[in-house]
N, C-alpha and C. Protein backbone atom coordinates (compact mmCIF):
# COMPACT_ATOMS: atom_id res chain seq x y z
N MET A 1 -3.37 11.78 2.22
CA MET A 1 -3.07 10.81 0.95
C MET A 1 -2.97 9.51 1.07
N THR A 2 -3.14 8.71 0.92
CA THR A 2 -3.16 6.99 0.60
C THR A 2 -1.73 6.83 -0.51
N ASP A 3 -1.35 5.40 -0.60
CA ASP A 3 -0.62 4.75 -1.52
C ASP A 3 -1.27 4.37 -2.80
N ARG A 4 -2.50 4.79 -2.65
CA ARG A 4 -2.86 4.57 -4.31
C ARG A 4 -2.76 5.05 -5.10
N PRO A 5 -2.56 4.53 -6.41
CA PRO A 5 -2.65 5.78 -7.65
C PRO A 5 -3.77 6.47 -7.99
N ARG A 6 -3.64 7.91 -8.76
CA ARG A 6 -4.79 8.70 -8.72
C ARG A 6 -5.23 8.79 -10.26
N LEU A 7 -6.16 7.63 -10.26
CA LEU A 7 -6.46 7.25 -11.68
C LEU A 7 -6.92 8.31 -12.30
N LEU A 8 -8.01 9.08 -11.56
CA LEU A 8 -8.85 9.78 -12.29
C LEU A 8 -7.72 11.24 -12.54
N ASP A 9 -6.91 11.44 -11.83
CA ASP A 9 -6.11 12.22 -12.09
C ASP A 9 -5.39 12.30 -13.50
N LYS A 10 -4.73 11.19 -13.37
CA LYS A 10 -4.24 10.52 -14.64
C LYS A 10 -4.71 10.49 -15.99
N GLU A 11 -6.33 10.10 -15.99
CA GLU A 11 -7.06 10.42 -16.61
C GLU A 11 -7.49 12.08 -17.29
N LEU A 12 -7.60 12.75 -16.07
CA LEU A 12 -7.70 14.17 -16.31
C LEU A 12 -6.39 14.52 -17.30
N GLN A 13 -5.38 14.17 -16.85
CA GLN A 13 -4.13 14.89 -17.61
C GLN A 13 -3.86 14.65 -18.96
N ALA A 14 -4.24 12.89 -18.83
CA ALA A 14 -4.37 12.29 -20.70
C ALA A 14 -5.02 13.40 -21.12
N LEU A 15 -6.56 14.04 -20.98
CA LEU A 15 -7.53 14.31 -21.89
C LEU A 15 -6.95 15.81 -21.98
N LEU A 16 -6.61 16.42 -21.03
CA LEU A 16 -5.80 17.36 -21.23
C LEU A 16 -4.97 17.76 -22.24
N ALA A 17 -4.09 16.73 -22.30
CA ALA A 17 -2.94 16.47 -23.59
C ALA A 17 -3.63 16.46 -24.94
N GLN A 18 -4.87 15.53 -24.66
CA GLN A 18 -5.87 15.58 -26.11
C GLN A 18 -6.49 16.95 -26.25
N CYS A 19 -7.39 17.45 -25.43
CA CYS A 19 -7.75 18.77 -25.74
C CYS A 19 -6.78 19.95 -26.01
N PHE A 20 -5.77 20.13 -25.52
CA PHE A 20 -5.36 21.45 -25.59
C PHE A 20 -3.98 21.20 -26.08
N THR A 21 -3.27 22.16 -26.68
CA THR A 21 -1.77 22.05 -27.16
C THR A 21 -0.99 22.48 -25.77
N PRO A 22 0.41 21.87 -25.85
CA PRO A 22 1.14 22.43 -24.92
C PRO A 22 1.06 23.64 -24.73
N ASP A 23 1.30 24.85 -25.46
CA ASP A 23 0.97 26.17 -25.11
C ASP A 23 -0.09 26.47 -24.73
N GLN A 24 -1.17 26.29 -24.81
CA GLN A 24 -2.47 26.14 -23.94
C GLN A 24 -2.72 25.98 -23.02
N LEU A 25 -2.09 24.71 -22.63
CA LEU A 25 -1.60 24.37 -21.35
C LEU A 25 -1.12 24.94 -20.35
N ARG A 26 0.14 25.21 -20.64
CA ARG A 26 1.84 26.29 -20.15
C ARG A 26 0.71 27.61 -19.70
N THR A 27 -0.30 28.19 -20.38
CA THR A 27 -0.94 29.59 -20.21
C THR A 27 -2.21 29.72 -19.69
N MET A 28 -2.58 28.53 -19.78
CA MET A 28 -4.08 28.34 -18.92
C MET A 28 -4.23 28.70 -17.62
N ASP A 29 -4.95 29.74 -17.07
CA ASP A 29 -5.12 30.25 -15.80
C ASP A 29 -5.62 29.26 -14.69
N SER A 30 -5.16 29.83 -13.91
CA SER A 30 -5.92 28.60 -12.44
C SER A 30 -7.45 28.54 -12.29
N GLN A 31 -7.94 29.49 -12.66
CA GLN A 31 -9.38 29.43 -12.38
C GLN A 31 -10.10 28.48 -13.74
N GLN A 32 -9.58 28.36 -14.75
CA GLN A 32 -9.80 27.56 -16.00
C GLN A 32 -9.01 25.71 -15.67
N ARG A 33 -8.36 26.29 -14.89
CA ARG A 33 -7.59 24.40 -14.36
C ARG A 33 -8.75 24.03 -13.48
N THR A 34 -9.05 24.86 -12.15
CA THR A 34 -9.71 24.47 -11.37
C THR A 34 -11.47 23.93 -12.05
N GLU A 35 -11.74 24.59 -12.44
CA GLU A 35 -13.60 24.47 -13.57
C GLU A 35 -13.31 23.31 -14.28
N ILE A 36 -12.30 23.17 -14.97
CA ILE A 36 -12.12 22.02 -15.90
C ILE A 36 -11.85 20.75 -14.73
N ARG A 37 -11.08 21.02 -13.93
CA ARG A 37 -11.11 19.89 -13.12
C ARG A 37 -12.27 19.48 -12.08
N ARG A 38 -13.02 20.07 -11.75
CA ARG A 38 -14.36 20.30 -11.21
C ARG A 38 -15.36 19.87 -11.76
N PHE A 39 -15.44 19.78 -13.33
CA PHE A 39 -16.31 19.47 -14.51
C PHE A 39 -15.99 17.74 -14.25
N PHE A 40 -14.41 17.63 -14.70
CA PHE A 40 -14.01 16.20 -15.23
C PHE A 40 -14.63 15.67 -13.99
N PHE A 41 -14.15 15.77 -12.73
CA PHE A 41 -14.60 15.04 -11.43
C PHE A 41 -16.47 14.69 -11.30
N ALA A 42 -16.56 15.74 -11.64
CA ALA A 42 -18.35 15.57 -11.65
C ALA A 42 -19.08 14.42 -12.07
N GLY A 43 -18.14 15.02 -13.73
CA GLY A 43 -18.32 13.47 -14.91
C GLY A 43 -18.18 12.22 -14.16
N ALA A 44 -16.97 12.08 -13.66
CA ALA A 44 -17.01 10.82 -12.94
C ALA A 44 -17.64 9.89 -12.00
N ARG A 45 -17.81 11.26 -11.18
CA ARG A 45 -19.07 10.88 -10.16
C ARG A 45 -20.19 10.66 -10.65
N ALA A 46 -20.57 11.30 -11.74
CA ALA A 46 -22.06 10.52 -12.52
C ALA A 46 -21.77 9.95 -13.26
N PHE A 47 -21.02 9.16 -13.44
CA PHE A 47 -20.44 7.73 -14.64
C PHE A 47 -20.46 6.36 -13.58
N SER A 48 -19.95 6.98 -12.12
CA SER A 48 -19.83 5.87 -11.32
C SER A 48 -20.72 5.73 -10.81
N GLY A 49 -21.58 6.71 -10.46
CA GLY A 49 -23.80 6.65 -9.68
C GLY A 49 -24.33 5.75 -10.78
N LEU A 50 -23.98 6.22 -12.26
CA LEU A 50 -24.92 5.53 -13.34
C LEU A 50 -24.48 3.75 -13.32
N VAL A 51 -23.08 3.76 -12.95
CA VAL A 51 -22.84 2.36 -13.38
C VAL A 51 -23.85 1.34 -11.83
N MET A 52 -23.01 2.06 -10.43
CA MET A 52 -23.43 1.29 -9.21
C MET A 52 -24.89 1.20 -9.03
N GLU A 53 -25.76 2.52 -9.85
CA GLU A 53 -27.37 2.44 -9.61
C GLU A 53 -27.97 1.61 -10.82
N ASN A 54 -27.52 1.19 -11.82
CA ASN A 54 -27.79 0.44 -12.85
C ASN A 54 -27.15 -0.83 -12.85
N ALA A 55 -26.10 -1.03 -12.44
CA ALA A 55 -25.52 -2.50 -12.67
C ALA A 55 -26.53 -3.48 -11.78
N SER A 56 -26.40 -4.96 -11.98
CA SER A 56 -27.08 -6.08 -11.16
C SER A 56 -26.75 -6.16 -9.92
N GLY A 57 -25.03 -5.73 -9.64
CA GLY A 57 -25.04 -5.75 -8.15
C GLY A 57 -24.86 -7.52 -7.71
N GLY A 58 -24.98 -8.03 -8.24
CA GLY A 58 -24.44 -9.36 -7.93
C GLY A 58 -22.74 -9.58 -8.11
N GLU A 59 -22.30 -10.63 -7.98
CA GLU A 59 -21.28 -11.43 -7.90
C GLU A 59 -20.44 -11.27 -9.79
N GLU A 60 -21.98 -12.08 -10.65
CA GLU A 60 -21.80 -12.32 -11.67
C GLU A 60 -21.92 -11.12 -12.62
N VAL A 61 -21.37 -11.45 -13.57
CA VAL A 61 -21.47 -9.85 -14.50
C VAL A 61 -22.86 -10.84 -15.59
N THR A 62 -23.81 -9.95 -15.31
CA THR A 62 -25.43 -10.19 -16.45
C THR A 62 -25.64 -9.41 -17.75
N ASP A 63 -25.88 -9.73 -18.54
CA ASP A 63 -26.23 -9.39 -19.83
C ASP A 63 -26.70 -8.14 -19.81
N GLY A 64 -27.22 -7.35 -18.76
CA GLY A 64 -27.82 -6.22 -18.60
C GLY A 64 -26.64 -5.30 -18.34
N ASP A 65 -25.66 -6.18 -17.34
CA ASP A 65 -24.34 -5.35 -16.95
C ASP A 65 -23.57 -4.96 -18.46
N MET A 66 -23.32 -5.50 -19.39
CA MET A 66 -22.70 -5.66 -20.13
C MET A 66 -23.35 -4.72 -21.05
N ALA A 67 -24.44 -5.00 -21.13
CA ALA A 67 -25.16 -3.65 -22.16
C ALA A 67 -25.05 -2.10 -21.62
N LEU A 68 -25.07 -2.28 -20.30
CA LEU A 68 -24.99 -0.94 -19.64
C LEU A 68 -23.47 -0.21 -19.97
N MET A 69 -22.22 -1.15 -19.86
CA MET A 69 -21.01 -1.01 -20.12
C MET A 69 -20.89 -0.23 -21.20
N GLU A 70 -21.27 -1.47 -22.42
CA GLU A 70 -21.02 -1.01 -23.91
C GLU A 70 -21.98 0.23 -24.37
N ALA A 71 -23.08 0.86 -23.70
CA ALA A 71 -23.64 2.16 -24.06
C ALA A 71 -23.06 3.05 -23.46
N LEU A 72 -22.26 3.21 -22.65
CA LEU A 72 -21.42 3.73 -22.03
C LEU A 72 -20.32 3.85 -22.75
N GLN A 73 -19.63 3.03 -22.97
CA GLN A 73 -18.56 2.94 -23.83
C GLN A 73 -18.59 3.49 -25.19
N ALA A 74 -19.98 3.09 -25.69
CA ALA A 74 -20.24 3.92 -27.29
C ALA A 74 -20.19 5.54 -26.94
N GLU A 75 -21.20 6.09 -25.92
CA GLU A 75 -21.42 7.25 -25.62
C GLU A 75 -19.87 7.96 -25.38
N LEU A 76 -18.97 7.56 -24.78
CA LEU A 76 -18.06 7.82 -24.75
C LEU A 76 -16.88 8.14 -25.97
N ALA A 77 -16.95 7.05 -26.72
CA ALA A 77 -16.16 6.97 -27.52
C ALA A 77 -16.69 7.89 -28.70
N GLN A 78 -18.14 8.17 -28.93
CA GLN A 78 -18.72 8.93 -29.54
C GLN A 78 -17.95 10.58 -29.33
N PHE A 79 -18.02 10.80 -28.00
CA PHE A 79 -17.89 12.10 -27.59
C PHE A 79 -16.38 12.32 -27.90
N GLY A 80 -15.46 11.54 -27.68
CA GLY A 80 -14.11 11.48 -28.22
C GLY A 80 -13.71 11.28 -29.77
N ALA A 81 -14.49 11.03 -30.61
CA ALA A 81 -14.59 11.35 -31.76
C ALA A 81 -14.94 12.78 -31.98
N ASP A 82 -16.03 13.03 -31.57
CA ASP A 82 -16.62 14.80 -31.84
C ASP A 82 -15.37 15.65 -31.24
N VAL A 83 -14.50 15.34 -30.08
CA VAL A 83 -13.51 16.09 -29.89
C VAL A 83 -12.30 16.29 -30.67
N ALA A 84 -11.94 15.17 -31.38
CA ALA A 84 -11.26 14.97 -32.20
C ALA A 84 -11.58 15.62 -33.68
N ALA A 85 -12.69 15.77 -33.94
CA ALA A 85 -13.25 16.15 -35.06
C ALA A 85 -13.43 17.59 -34.62
N GLY A 86 -13.43 18.11 -33.71
CA GLY A 86 -13.72 19.73 -33.39
C GLY A 86 -15.31 19.75 -33.17
N ARG A 87 -15.63 18.84 -33.02
CA ARG A 87 -17.01 19.13 -32.63
C ARG A 87 -17.86 19.10 -31.45
N ALA A 88 -16.85 19.24 -30.04
CA ALA A 88 -17.00 19.05 -29.33
C ALA A 88 -16.07 19.47 -28.12
């Protein structure tokens, strides 16, 4: 383990707190926790791959780079709204 912060783990914990009540988190079995963590990290890996494969690759941020990030942010925001509304 390095001394770098575990940024994705922190995000996973924040997401779990948004999606589950404290009682649900306390009583969740270890298999479900493992599956949630695997899916979360699979999503993070897919997101990273999308960014790496579709970004311009140069040192300067392009309009295409910004459009990609805006599209991803909009999709994530919509998913967040769907979760909050009980639709996801």
